[in-house]
N, C-alpha and C. Protein backbone atom coordinates (compact mmCIF):
# COMPACT_ATOMS: atom_id res chain seq x y z
N MET A 1 0.83 -1.21 0.00
CA MET A 1 0.00 0.00 0.00
C MET A 1 0.87 1.26 0.00
N GLU A 2 1.97 1.22 0.75
CA GLU A 2 2.87 2.37 0.82
C GLU A 2 3.49 2.66 -0.55
N LEU A 3 3.84 1.57 -1.26
CA LEU A 3 4.43 1.72 -2.59
C LEU A 3 3.42 2.32 -3.56
N PHE A 4 2.17 1.89 -3.45
CA PHE A 4 1.11 2.43 -4.31
C PHE A 4 0.92 3.93 -4.05
N ILE A 5 0.83 4.30 -2.78
CA ILE A 5 0.63 5.71 -2.42
C ILE A 5 1.81 6.55 -2.88
N TYR A 6 3.04 6.00 -2.71
CA TYR A 6 4.24 6.75 -3.12
C TYR A 6 4.21 7.04 -4.62
N LEU A 7 3.98 5.99 -5.44
CA LEU A 7 4.01 6.18 -6.89
C LEU A 7 2.84 7.03 -7.35
N PHE A 8 1.66 6.82 -6.77
CA PHE A 8 0.50 7.63 -7.14
C PHE A 8 0.75 9.10 -6.84
N ALA A 9 1.26 9.39 -5.64
CA ALA A 9 1.53 10.78 -5.24
C ALA A 9 2.60 11.40 -6.13
N ALA A 10 3.65 10.62 -6.43
CA ALA A 10 4.74 11.14 -7.27
C ALA A 10 4.24 11.45 -8.67
N LEU A 11 3.50 10.52 -9.27
CA LEU A 11 2.97 10.73 -10.61
C LEU A 11 1.96 11.88 -10.65
N PHE A 12 1.09 11.93 -9.66
CA PHE A 12 0.07 12.99 -9.61
C PHE A 12 0.74 14.36 -9.50
N SER A 13 1.80 14.44 -8.69
CA SER A 13 2.50 15.71 -8.51
C SER A 13 3.20 16.14 -9.78
N VAL A 14 3.88 15.20 -10.45
CA VAL A 14 4.62 15.53 -11.66
C VAL A 14 3.67 15.84 -12.83
N LEU A 15 2.61 15.05 -12.97
CA LEU A 15 1.64 15.29 -14.05
C LEU A 15 0.85 16.58 -13.81
N ASN A 16 0.52 16.84 -12.55
CA ASN A 16 -0.19 18.05 -12.14
C ASN A 16 -1.46 18.33 -12.95
N PRO A 17 -2.44 17.42 -12.88
CA PRO A 17 -3.70 17.64 -13.62
C PRO A 17 -4.47 18.87 -13.15
N ILE A 18 -4.29 19.27 -11.87
CA ILE A 18 -4.96 20.48 -11.38
C ILE A 18 -4.48 21.71 -12.15
N GLY A 19 -3.16 21.74 -12.40
CA GLY A 19 -2.60 22.87 -13.14
C GLY A 19 -3.05 22.91 -14.59
N THR A 20 -3.56 21.79 -15.09
CA THR A 20 -4.02 21.72 -16.47
C THR A 20 -5.46 22.21 -16.61
N VAL A 21 -6.15 22.36 -15.49
CA VAL A 21 -7.56 22.76 -15.50
C VAL A 21 -7.82 24.05 -16.30
N PRO A 22 -7.11 25.15 -16.00
CA PRO A 22 -7.38 26.38 -16.77
C PRO A 22 -7.09 26.24 -18.25
N ILE A 23 -6.08 25.42 -18.59
CA ILE A 23 -5.75 25.20 -20.01
C ILE A 23 -6.85 24.41 -20.69
N PHE A 24 -7.33 23.36 -20.00
CA PHE A 24 -8.42 22.55 -20.54
C PHE A 24 -9.67 23.40 -20.74
N VAL A 25 -9.96 24.25 -19.77
CA VAL A 25 -11.13 25.12 -19.85
C VAL A 25 -11.01 26.04 -21.07
N GLY A 26 -9.82 26.60 -21.26
CA GLY A 26 -9.60 27.50 -22.39
C GLY A 26 -9.74 26.81 -23.74
N LEU A 27 -9.26 25.56 -23.83
CA LEU A 27 -9.31 24.84 -25.09
C LEU A 27 -10.68 24.27 -25.41
N THR A 28 -11.51 24.09 -24.38
CA THR A 28 -12.82 23.44 -24.59
C THR A 28 -14.00 24.34 -24.25
N GLN A 29 -13.76 25.63 -24.12
CA GLN A 29 -14.82 26.53 -23.67
C GLN A 29 -16.00 26.61 -24.65
N ASP A 30 -15.73 26.34 -25.94
CA ASP A 30 -16.79 26.41 -26.94
C ASP A 30 -17.40 25.04 -27.25
N ASP A 31 -16.94 24.01 -26.57
CA ASP A 31 -17.43 22.65 -26.82
C ASP A 31 -18.62 22.32 -25.92
N PRO A 32 -19.54 21.49 -26.39
CA PRO A 32 -20.67 21.05 -25.54
C PRO A 32 -20.17 20.11 -24.44
N LYS A 33 -21.00 19.89 -23.44
CA LYS A 33 -20.62 19.07 -22.29
C LYS A 33 -20.23 17.65 -22.70
N LYS A 34 -20.96 17.07 -23.66
CA LYS A 34 -20.67 15.70 -24.11
C LYS A 34 -19.29 15.62 -24.74
N GLU A 35 -18.91 16.63 -25.51
CA GLU A 35 -17.60 16.65 -26.16
C GLU A 35 -16.49 16.82 -25.12
N ARG A 36 -16.74 17.63 -24.10
CA ARG A 36 -15.75 17.80 -23.03
C ARG A 36 -15.50 16.48 -22.31
N SER A 37 -16.57 15.75 -22.07
CA SER A 37 -16.44 14.45 -21.41
C SER A 37 -15.64 13.48 -22.27
N ARG A 38 -15.88 13.51 -23.57
CA ARG A 38 -15.16 12.65 -24.49
C ARG A 38 -13.67 12.98 -24.49
N ILE A 39 -13.36 14.27 -24.55
CA ILE A 39 -11.97 14.70 -24.56
C ILE A 39 -11.29 14.33 -23.24
N SER A 40 -12.01 14.49 -22.12
CA SER A 40 -11.48 14.12 -20.81
C SER A 40 -11.14 12.63 -20.76
N LEU A 41 -12.06 11.81 -21.27
CA LEU A 41 -11.86 10.36 -21.25
C LEU A 41 -10.67 9.95 -22.09
N TRP A 42 -10.58 10.47 -23.30
CA TRP A 42 -9.49 10.07 -24.19
C TRP A 42 -8.15 10.65 -23.76
N THR A 43 -8.17 11.80 -23.11
CA THR A 43 -6.93 12.34 -22.55
C THR A 43 -6.39 11.39 -21.48
N ALA A 44 -7.28 10.93 -20.60
CA ALA A 44 -6.89 10.01 -19.53
C ALA A 44 -6.38 8.69 -20.11
N ILE A 45 -7.08 8.18 -21.14
CA ILE A 45 -6.66 6.92 -21.78
C ILE A 45 -5.29 7.08 -22.44
N ASN A 46 -5.09 8.18 -23.14
CA ASN A 46 -3.81 8.42 -23.80
C ASN A 46 -2.67 8.55 -22.79
N VAL A 47 -2.92 9.25 -21.70
CA VAL A 47 -1.90 9.38 -20.65
C VAL A 47 -1.56 8.01 -20.08
N CYS A 48 -2.59 7.21 -19.83
CA CYS A 48 -2.40 5.86 -19.29
C CYS A 48 -1.53 5.01 -20.22
N ILE A 49 -1.82 5.05 -21.51
CA ILE A 49 -1.05 4.28 -22.49
C ILE A 49 0.40 4.74 -22.55
N ILE A 50 0.60 6.06 -22.55
CA ILE A 50 1.96 6.61 -22.60
C ILE A 50 2.76 6.19 -21.37
N LEU A 51 2.13 6.26 -20.21
CA LEU A 51 2.83 5.90 -18.96
C LEU A 51 3.14 4.41 -18.91
N LEU A 52 2.20 3.57 -19.36
CA LEU A 52 2.43 2.13 -19.36
C LEU A 52 3.55 1.75 -20.32
N ILE A 53 3.58 2.36 -21.49
CA ILE A 53 4.65 2.09 -22.45
C ILE A 53 5.99 2.53 -21.87
N SER A 54 6.01 3.70 -21.23
CA SER A 54 7.25 4.20 -20.61
C SER A 54 7.74 3.25 -19.53
N TYR A 55 6.80 2.74 -18.74
CA TYR A 55 7.14 1.86 -17.62
C TYR A 55 7.72 0.54 -18.09
N PHE A 56 7.11 -0.07 -19.11
CA PHE A 56 7.52 -1.40 -19.55
C PHE A 56 8.62 -1.40 -20.62
N VAL A 57 8.66 -0.37 -21.45
CA VAL A 57 9.60 -0.36 -22.58
C VAL A 57 10.78 0.57 -22.35
N GLY A 58 10.62 1.52 -21.45
CA GLY A 58 11.66 2.53 -21.24
C GLY A 58 13.03 1.97 -20.94
N GLN A 59 13.10 0.90 -20.15
CA GLN A 59 14.39 0.31 -19.77
C GLN A 59 15.15 -0.19 -21.00
N TYR A 60 14.44 -0.74 -21.99
CA TYR A 60 15.08 -1.25 -23.19
C TYR A 60 15.63 -0.11 -24.05
N VAL A 61 14.95 1.01 -24.01
CA VAL A 61 15.44 2.20 -24.72
C VAL A 61 16.75 2.66 -24.10
N LEU A 62 16.81 2.64 -22.77
CA LEU A 62 18.04 3.01 -22.07
C LEU A 62 19.18 2.08 -22.45
N THR A 63 18.90 0.78 -22.45
CA THR A 63 19.92 -0.21 -22.79
C THR A 63 20.42 -0.01 -24.22
N PHE A 64 19.50 0.26 -25.14
CA PHE A 64 19.85 0.45 -26.54
C PHE A 64 20.81 1.64 -26.71
N PHE A 65 20.53 2.73 -25.99
CA PHE A 65 21.36 3.93 -26.12
C PHE A 65 22.53 3.96 -25.13
N GLY A 66 22.61 2.94 -24.28
CA GLY A 66 23.71 2.87 -23.33
C GLY A 66 23.64 3.92 -22.23
N ILE A 67 22.44 4.25 -21.81
CA ILE A 67 22.25 5.27 -20.76
C ILE A 67 22.08 4.57 -19.42
N SER A 68 22.85 5.00 -18.43
CA SER A 68 22.74 4.39 -17.10
C SER A 68 21.53 4.92 -16.36
N ILE A 69 21.06 4.15 -15.39
CA ILE A 69 19.90 4.57 -14.62
C ILE A 69 20.19 5.81 -13.80
N ASP A 70 21.45 5.94 -13.34
CA ASP A 70 21.82 7.13 -12.56
C ASP A 70 21.81 8.39 -13.43
N ALA A 71 22.26 8.25 -14.68
CA ALA A 71 22.21 9.38 -15.61
C ALA A 71 20.77 9.78 -15.87
N LEU A 72 19.90 8.77 -16.00
CA LEU A 72 18.47 9.05 -16.21
C LEU A 72 17.87 9.76 -15.00
N ARG A 73 18.25 9.30 -13.79
CA ARG A 73 17.72 9.93 -12.58
C ARG A 73 18.14 11.40 -12.52
N ILE A 74 19.38 11.67 -12.83
CA ILE A 74 19.86 13.06 -12.76
C ILE A 74 19.16 13.92 -13.81
N ALA A 75 19.09 13.41 -15.06
CA ALA A 75 18.42 14.16 -16.14
C ALA A 75 16.93 14.35 -15.82
N GLY A 76 16.29 13.26 -15.40
CA GLY A 76 14.87 13.35 -15.04
C GLY A 76 14.64 14.26 -13.85
N GLY A 77 15.55 14.17 -12.88
CA GLY A 77 15.44 15.03 -11.69
C GLY A 77 15.54 16.50 -12.06
N MET A 78 16.44 16.82 -12.98
CA MET A 78 16.60 18.22 -13.41
C MET A 78 15.34 18.71 -14.12
N ILE A 79 14.75 17.84 -14.96
CA ILE A 79 13.52 18.21 -15.67
C ILE A 79 12.37 18.42 -14.67
N ILE A 80 12.28 17.49 -13.70
CA ILE A 80 11.22 17.59 -12.69
C ILE A 80 11.38 18.85 -11.85
N VAL A 81 12.63 19.15 -11.44
CA VAL A 81 12.89 20.36 -10.66
C VAL A 81 12.52 21.60 -11.47
N GLY A 82 12.88 21.59 -12.77
CA GLY A 82 12.54 22.73 -13.63
C GLY A 82 11.04 22.95 -13.74
N SER A 83 10.29 21.83 -13.91
CA SER A 83 8.84 21.93 -14.00
C SER A 83 8.25 22.43 -12.68
N GLY A 84 8.78 21.89 -11.57
CA GLY A 84 8.30 22.30 -10.25
C GLY A 84 8.58 23.77 -9.98
N PHE A 85 9.77 24.22 -10.38
CA PHE A 85 10.13 25.62 -10.17
C PHE A 85 9.23 26.55 -10.98
N SER A 86 8.89 26.11 -12.20
CA SER A 86 7.99 26.90 -13.05
C SER A 86 6.61 27.00 -12.42
N LEU A 87 6.13 25.89 -11.85
CA LEU A 87 4.84 25.90 -11.16
C LEU A 87 4.88 26.79 -9.93
N LEU A 88 5.99 26.70 -9.19
CA LEU A 88 6.11 27.45 -7.94
C LEU A 88 6.16 28.95 -8.18
N THR A 89 6.80 29.36 -9.27
CA THR A 89 6.95 30.79 -9.55
C THR A 89 5.84 31.33 -10.45
N GLY A 90 4.96 30.43 -10.91
CA GLY A 90 3.86 30.87 -11.75
C GLY A 90 4.26 31.18 -13.17
N LYS A 91 5.40 30.63 -13.63
CA LYS A 91 5.88 30.89 -14.99
C LYS A 91 5.76 29.65 -15.86
N PHE A 92 4.76 28.84 -15.57
CA PHE A 92 4.55 27.58 -16.30
C PHE A 92 3.76 27.88 -17.55
N LYS A 93 4.39 27.75 -18.72
CA LYS A 93 3.73 28.07 -19.98
C LYS A 93 2.86 26.91 -20.45
N LYS A 94 1.69 27.23 -20.91
CA LYS A 94 0.76 26.17 -21.26
C LYS A 94 1.19 25.38 -22.49
N GLN A 95 1.99 25.96 -23.40
CA GLN A 95 2.35 25.22 -24.58
C GLN A 95 3.46 24.23 -24.32
N ARG A 96 4.28 24.43 -23.31
CA ARG A 96 5.36 23.52 -22.92
C ARG A 96 6.14 23.02 -24.13
N GLY A 97 6.67 23.94 -24.88
CA GLY A 97 7.53 23.57 -26.00
C GLY A 97 6.81 23.43 -27.33
N ILE A 98 5.53 23.72 -27.37
CA ILE A 98 4.79 23.60 -28.63
C ILE A 98 4.94 24.88 -29.44
N ASP A 99 5.19 24.75 -30.71
CA ASP A 99 5.33 25.90 -31.59
C ASP A 99 4.04 26.71 -31.60
N LYS A 100 4.17 28.04 -31.70
CA LYS A 100 3.01 28.94 -31.64
C LYS A 100 1.98 28.61 -32.73
N THR A 101 2.46 28.34 -33.95
CA THR A 101 1.53 28.02 -35.05
C THR A 101 0.80 26.73 -34.77
N VAL A 102 1.54 25.74 -34.30
CA VAL A 102 0.94 24.44 -33.97
C VAL A 102 -0.05 24.59 -32.83
N GLU A 103 0.32 25.39 -31.83
CA GLU A 103 -0.56 25.61 -30.68
C GLU A 103 -1.88 26.22 -31.12
N SER A 104 -1.81 27.21 -32.03
CA SER A 104 -3.02 27.86 -32.51
C SER A 104 -3.89 26.88 -33.28
N ASP A 105 -3.25 26.04 -34.09
CA ASP A 105 -3.99 25.06 -34.87
C ASP A 105 -4.68 24.04 -33.97
N LEU A 106 -3.96 23.60 -32.92
CA LEU A 106 -4.51 22.61 -32.00
C LEU A 106 -5.68 23.18 -31.21
N SER A 107 -5.61 24.47 -30.91
CA SER A 107 -6.67 25.10 -30.14
C SER A 107 -7.98 25.12 -30.91
N ASN A 108 -7.89 25.06 -32.23
CA ASN A 108 -9.09 25.11 -33.07
C ASN A 108 -9.61 23.74 -33.44
N ARG A 109 -8.94 22.69 -32.95
CA ARG A 109 -9.38 21.34 -33.22
C ARG A 109 -10.19 20.79 -32.06
N ASN A 110 -11.14 19.92 -32.38
CA ASN A 110 -11.91 19.29 -31.32
C ASN A 110 -11.13 18.17 -30.66
N ASP A 111 -10.36 17.43 -31.47
CA ASP A 111 -9.65 16.27 -30.95
C ASP A 111 -8.27 16.69 -30.43
N ILE A 112 -8.22 17.17 -29.20
CA ILE A 112 -6.97 17.64 -28.59
C ILE A 112 -6.54 16.72 -27.45
N ALA A 113 -7.18 15.54 -27.37
CA ALA A 113 -6.93 14.64 -26.25
C ALA A 113 -5.49 14.12 -26.22
N LEU A 114 -4.92 13.85 -27.41
CA LEU A 114 -3.54 13.34 -27.44
C LEU A 114 -2.53 14.47 -27.36
N THR A 115 -2.66 15.42 -28.27
CA THR A 115 -1.78 16.58 -28.28
C THR A 115 -2.63 17.83 -28.36
N PRO A 116 -2.45 18.79 -27.47
CA PRO A 116 -1.36 18.88 -26.49
C PRO A 116 -1.69 18.37 -25.09
N LEU A 117 -2.92 17.89 -24.84
CA LEU A 117 -3.31 17.58 -23.46
C LEU A 117 -2.53 16.41 -22.87
N ALA A 118 -2.64 15.22 -23.51
CA ALA A 118 -1.97 14.04 -22.95
C ALA A 118 -0.45 14.19 -22.98
N MET A 119 0.06 14.65 -24.10
CA MET A 119 1.49 14.89 -24.26
C MET A 119 1.68 16.13 -25.12
N PRO A 120 2.46 17.12 -24.69
CA PRO A 120 3.38 17.04 -23.55
C PRO A 120 2.87 17.68 -22.26
N MET A 121 1.62 18.15 -22.22
CA MET A 121 1.18 18.91 -21.06
C MET A 121 1.04 18.05 -19.81
N LEU A 122 0.61 16.80 -19.95
CA LEU A 122 0.48 15.93 -18.77
C LEU A 122 1.64 14.93 -18.70
N ALA A 123 1.68 14.00 -19.63
CA ALA A 123 2.76 13.00 -19.64
C ALA A 123 3.96 13.56 -20.38
N GLY A 124 4.95 14.01 -19.62
CA GLY A 124 6.15 14.60 -20.20
C GLY A 124 7.39 13.83 -19.78
N PRO A 125 8.57 14.38 -20.04
CA PRO A 125 9.83 13.71 -19.70
C PRO A 125 9.96 13.39 -18.21
N GLY A 126 9.41 14.25 -17.35
CA GLY A 126 9.52 14.03 -15.91
C GLY A 126 8.83 12.74 -15.47
N SER A 127 7.58 12.55 -15.90
CA SER A 127 6.84 11.34 -15.51
C SER A 127 7.42 10.10 -16.17
N ILE A 128 7.89 10.24 -17.41
CA ILE A 128 8.46 9.10 -18.13
C ILE A 128 9.74 8.62 -17.44
N SER A 129 10.63 9.55 -17.12
CA SER A 129 11.88 9.17 -16.45
C SER A 129 11.61 8.62 -15.05
N LEU A 130 10.60 9.16 -14.38
CA LEU A 130 10.23 8.68 -13.06
C LEU A 130 9.82 7.20 -13.12
N LEU A 131 9.03 6.84 -14.12
CA LEU A 131 8.55 5.46 -14.24
C LEU A 131 9.66 4.50 -14.64
N ILE A 132 10.56 4.95 -15.52
CA ILE A 132 11.68 4.10 -15.92
C ILE A 132 12.57 3.80 -14.72
N ALA A 133 12.85 4.83 -13.94
CA ALA A 133 13.68 4.65 -12.74
C ALA A 133 12.96 3.76 -11.72
N PHE A 134 11.66 3.92 -11.61
CA PHE A 134 10.88 3.12 -10.66
C PHE A 134 10.93 1.64 -11.04
N TYR A 135 10.86 1.35 -12.33
CA TYR A 135 10.89 -0.04 -12.79
C TYR A 135 12.23 -0.69 -12.49
N GLN A 136 13.30 0.09 -12.57
CA GLN A 136 14.63 -0.45 -12.30
C GLN A 136 14.75 -0.95 -10.86
N GLU A 137 14.05 -0.30 -9.94
CA GLU A 137 14.15 -0.66 -8.53
C GLU A 137 13.02 -1.58 -8.07
N HIS A 138 11.90 -1.56 -8.77
CA HIS A 138 10.73 -2.34 -8.35
C HIS A 138 10.19 -3.12 -9.56
N ASN A 139 10.74 -4.30 -9.79
CA ASN A 139 10.33 -5.07 -10.96
C ASN A 139 9.87 -6.49 -10.63
N ARG A 140 9.54 -6.73 -9.35
CA ARG A 140 8.92 -8.01 -9.02
C ARG A 140 7.46 -7.99 -9.48
N TYR A 141 6.88 -9.18 -9.61
CA TYR A 141 5.51 -9.28 -10.14
C TYR A 141 4.52 -8.47 -9.31
N ASP A 142 4.60 -8.57 -7.98
CA ASP A 142 3.66 -7.84 -7.13
C ASP A 142 3.88 -6.33 -7.23
N GLU A 143 5.15 -5.92 -7.39
CA GLU A 143 5.46 -4.49 -7.50
C GLU A 143 4.99 -3.95 -8.85
N ILE A 144 5.11 -4.76 -9.90
CA ILE A 144 4.61 -4.35 -11.21
C ILE A 144 3.09 -4.18 -11.17
N THR A 145 2.42 -5.09 -10.48
CA THR A 145 0.96 -4.99 -10.33
C THR A 145 0.57 -3.70 -9.62
N ILE A 146 1.32 -3.37 -8.58
CA ILE A 146 1.06 -2.14 -7.82
C ILE A 146 1.30 -0.92 -8.70
N ALA A 147 2.39 -0.94 -9.49
CA ALA A 147 2.72 0.19 -10.36
C ALA A 147 1.64 0.41 -11.41
N VAL A 148 1.18 -0.69 -12.02
CA VAL A 148 0.11 -0.58 -13.03
C VAL A 148 -1.17 -0.04 -12.38
N SER A 149 -1.46 -0.50 -11.17
CA SER A 149 -2.64 -0.01 -10.45
C SER A 149 -2.53 1.49 -10.17
N ALA A 150 -1.34 1.94 -9.80
CA ALA A 150 -1.12 3.36 -9.53
C ALA A 150 -1.30 4.19 -10.79
N ILE A 151 -0.80 3.68 -11.93
CA ILE A 151 -0.94 4.38 -13.20
C ILE A 151 -2.41 4.48 -13.59
N LEU A 152 -3.14 3.39 -13.42
CA LEU A 152 -4.58 3.39 -13.73
C LEU A 152 -5.33 4.36 -12.81
N ALA A 153 -4.93 4.41 -11.54
CA ALA A 153 -5.57 5.32 -10.58
C ALA A 153 -5.31 6.78 -10.95
N VAL A 154 -4.09 7.07 -11.39
CA VAL A 154 -3.75 8.43 -11.81
C VAL A 154 -4.55 8.81 -13.05
N ALA A 155 -4.69 7.87 -13.99
CA ALA A 155 -5.47 8.13 -15.20
C ALA A 155 -6.93 8.41 -14.85
N LEU A 156 -7.47 7.65 -13.88
CA LEU A 156 -8.85 7.88 -13.44
C LEU A 156 -8.98 9.26 -12.79
N ALA A 157 -7.99 9.64 -11.98
CA ALA A 157 -8.01 10.96 -11.34
C ALA A 157 -7.97 12.07 -12.38
N ILE A 158 -7.16 11.87 -13.43
CA ILE A 158 -7.07 12.86 -14.51
C ILE A 158 -8.43 13.00 -15.20
N PHE A 159 -9.07 11.88 -15.48
CA PHE A 159 -10.39 11.93 -16.12
C PHE A 159 -11.40 12.69 -15.27
N LEU A 160 -11.44 12.39 -13.97
CA LEU A 160 -12.41 13.03 -13.08
C LEU A 160 -12.14 14.53 -12.96
N ILE A 161 -10.86 14.89 -12.87
CA ILE A 161 -10.50 16.30 -12.72
C ILE A 161 -10.83 17.09 -13.99
N LEU A 162 -10.45 16.54 -15.15
CA LEU A 162 -10.71 17.24 -16.41
C LEU A 162 -12.21 17.29 -16.71
N ARG A 163 -12.92 16.23 -16.37
CA ARG A 163 -14.36 16.21 -16.60
C ARG A 163 -15.06 17.28 -15.75
N SER A 164 -14.46 17.58 -14.59
CA SER A 164 -15.03 18.60 -13.69
C SER A 164 -14.29 19.93 -13.81
N ALA A 165 -13.44 20.06 -14.84
CA ALA A 165 -12.57 21.23 -14.96
C ALA A 165 -13.33 22.55 -14.95
N HIS A 166 -14.43 22.62 -15.69
CA HIS A 166 -15.18 23.88 -15.77
C HIS A 166 -15.82 24.24 -14.43
N TYR A 167 -16.23 23.21 -13.67
CA TYR A 167 -16.78 23.46 -12.33
C TYR A 167 -15.67 23.86 -11.36
N LEU A 168 -14.53 23.17 -11.45
CA LEU A 168 -13.40 23.49 -10.57
C LEU A 168 -12.90 24.91 -10.81
N ALA A 169 -12.88 25.30 -12.09
CA ALA A 169 -12.42 26.65 -12.42
C ALA A 169 -13.32 27.71 -11.79
N LYS A 170 -14.65 27.41 -11.75
CA LYS A 170 -15.58 28.36 -11.14
C LYS A 170 -15.45 28.38 -9.62
N ILE A 171 -15.27 27.18 -9.02
CA ILE A 171 -15.20 27.07 -7.56
C ILE A 171 -13.88 27.63 -7.01
N LEU A 172 -12.78 27.18 -7.59
CA LEU A 172 -11.47 27.58 -7.09
C LEU A 172 -11.09 28.98 -7.55
N GLY A 173 -11.49 29.32 -8.77
CA GLY A 173 -11.09 30.60 -9.32
C GLY A 173 -9.62 30.56 -9.73
N ALA A 174 -9.18 31.61 -10.38
CA ALA A 174 -7.79 31.67 -10.85
C ALA A 174 -6.81 31.62 -9.69
N ALA A 175 -7.14 32.34 -8.60
CA ALA A 175 -6.24 32.39 -7.44
C ALA A 175 -6.11 31.02 -6.78
N GLY A 176 -7.22 30.29 -6.68
CA GLY A 176 -7.19 28.98 -6.06
C GLY A 176 -6.37 27.98 -6.85
N ILE A 177 -6.51 28.01 -8.17
CA ILE A 177 -5.75 27.11 -9.03
C ILE A 177 -4.26 27.43 -8.96
N VAL A 178 -3.94 28.72 -8.94
CA VAL A 178 -2.52 29.13 -8.83
C VAL A 178 -1.94 28.66 -7.50
N ALA A 179 -2.70 28.80 -6.42
CA ALA A 179 -2.22 28.40 -5.09
C ALA A 179 -1.94 26.90 -5.05
N ILE A 180 -2.87 26.10 -5.59
CA ILE A 180 -2.69 24.65 -5.61
C ILE A 180 -1.50 24.27 -6.48
N SER A 181 -1.36 24.93 -7.62
CA SER A 181 -0.25 24.64 -8.53
C SER A 181 1.09 24.92 -7.86
N ARG A 182 1.14 25.97 -7.05
CA ARG A 182 2.41 26.30 -6.39
C ARG A 182 2.74 25.34 -5.28
N ILE A 183 1.71 24.86 -4.58
CA ILE A 183 1.95 23.83 -3.56
C ILE A 183 2.46 22.56 -4.22
N VAL A 184 1.80 22.17 -5.31
CA VAL A 184 2.24 20.99 -6.06
C VAL A 184 3.65 21.21 -6.61
N GLY A 185 3.94 22.43 -7.06
CA GLY A 185 5.27 22.75 -7.57
C GLY A 185 6.35 22.51 -6.55
N PHE A 186 6.10 22.86 -5.30
CA PHE A 186 7.07 22.63 -4.22
C PHE A 186 7.32 21.14 -4.02
N ILE A 187 6.25 20.35 -4.07
CA ILE A 187 6.38 18.89 -3.93
C ILE A 187 7.17 18.32 -5.11
N VAL A 188 6.89 18.82 -6.31
CA VAL A 188 7.58 18.34 -7.50
C VAL A 188 9.08 18.63 -7.41
N ILE A 189 9.44 19.82 -6.92
CA ILE A 189 10.85 20.16 -6.75
C ILE A 189 11.53 19.19 -5.80
N ALA A 190 10.85 18.87 -4.69
CA ALA A 190 11.40 17.93 -3.71
C ALA A 190 11.62 16.55 -4.33
N ILE A 191 10.67 16.10 -5.15
CA ILE A 191 10.81 14.81 -5.82
C ILE A 191 12.01 14.81 -6.76
N GLY A 192 12.14 15.88 -7.53
CA GLY A 192 13.27 15.99 -8.47
C GLY A 192 14.61 15.99 -7.77
N ILE A 193 14.71 16.75 -6.67
CA ILE A 193 15.96 16.82 -5.91
C ILE A 193 16.29 15.45 -5.31
N GLN A 194 15.27 14.74 -4.83
CA GLN A 194 15.49 13.42 -4.26
C GLN A 194 16.06 12.46 -5.31
N TYR A 195 15.58 12.56 -6.55
CA TYR A 195 16.10 11.73 -7.62
C TYR A 195 17.57 12.04 -7.89
N ILE A 196 17.91 13.31 -7.92
CA ILE A 196 19.29 13.71 -8.18
C ILE A 196 20.21 13.26 -7.05
N VAL A 197 19.76 13.47 -5.81
CA VAL A 197 20.57 13.10 -4.65
C VAL A 197 20.82 11.60 -4.61
N SER A 198 19.78 10.80 -4.84
CA SER A 198 19.93 9.35 -4.80
C SER A 198 20.89 8.87 -5.89
N ALA A 199 20.85 9.51 -7.07
CA ALA A 199 21.75 9.14 -8.17
C ALA A 199 23.18 9.48 -7.83
N VAL A 200 23.40 10.67 -7.28
CA VAL A 200 24.76 11.10 -6.91
C VAL A 200 25.34 10.18 -5.83
N ILE A 201 24.53 9.85 -4.83
CA ILE A 201 24.98 8.95 -3.76
C ILE A 201 25.36 7.59 -4.33
N ASN A 202 24.55 7.08 -5.25
CA ASN A 202 24.84 5.78 -5.86
C ASN A 202 26.12 5.82 -6.68
N ILE A 203 26.34 6.90 -7.41
CA ILE A 203 27.57 7.06 -8.20
C ILE A 203 28.79 7.10 -7.29
N ILE A 204 28.69 7.83 -6.18
CA ILE A 204 29.80 7.91 -5.23
C ILE A 204 30.10 6.55 -4.63
N LYS A 205 29.05 5.81 -4.25
CA LYS A 205 29.23 4.49 -3.68
C LYS A 205 29.91 3.55 -4.68
N THR A 206 29.47 3.62 -5.94
CA THR A 206 30.05 2.77 -6.98
C THR A 206 31.53 3.11 -7.20
N TYR A 207 31.84 4.40 -7.16
CA TYR A 207 33.23 4.85 -7.36
C TYR A 207 34.12 4.40 -6.21
N LEU A 208 33.60 4.49 -4.97
CA LEU A 208 34.40 4.10 -3.79
C LEU A 208 34.63 2.59 -3.73
N MET A 209 33.72 1.82 -4.32
CA MET A 209 33.86 0.38 -4.28
C MET A 209 34.87 -0.14 -5.29
N LYS A 210 35.27 0.70 -6.23
CA LYS A 210 36.26 0.27 -7.25
C LYS A 210 37.66 0.20 -6.65
């Protein structure tokens, strides 16, 4: 249960579906309620698929490119810290690396569940590296079952939050969403730093053992 809560909390913090609420509202403000529900559902499904692929296939990608798990932890930790810092300071851009022309085109499409919502706004490098590193340390059958359950739970949470996005935006208001995003940003920074610290400690231990 502790492992499930840890991975769920870590993924939820890095994905930050609450912070996506105002973006979702902006992209779907002209859509009917049924269409919003459809987009919410497919966004959650797409995120789930991306995370599952990252969890099960990511390690083989590392092996193919000769990337060590410690290097991944440091790189992923830096990305996570950067995302958390952006959330904490309120400088988190909604396009997250999407070209302005592409962003404008996507905003006018109904089918935005995969891009930009699922990726890169929700499932990005931070969550992908987190899952790859998690698999390296927890790959027993029972741990894999727990990890898959946590991913499914996060996807369900994303669906419920996005489906209620327009209501949440009215209840929380802009100030409330910003406050929650900054709290989540602080947690995300802590997660990223923990990844970097654990990787550095492991590298030092490996060096001293030689």
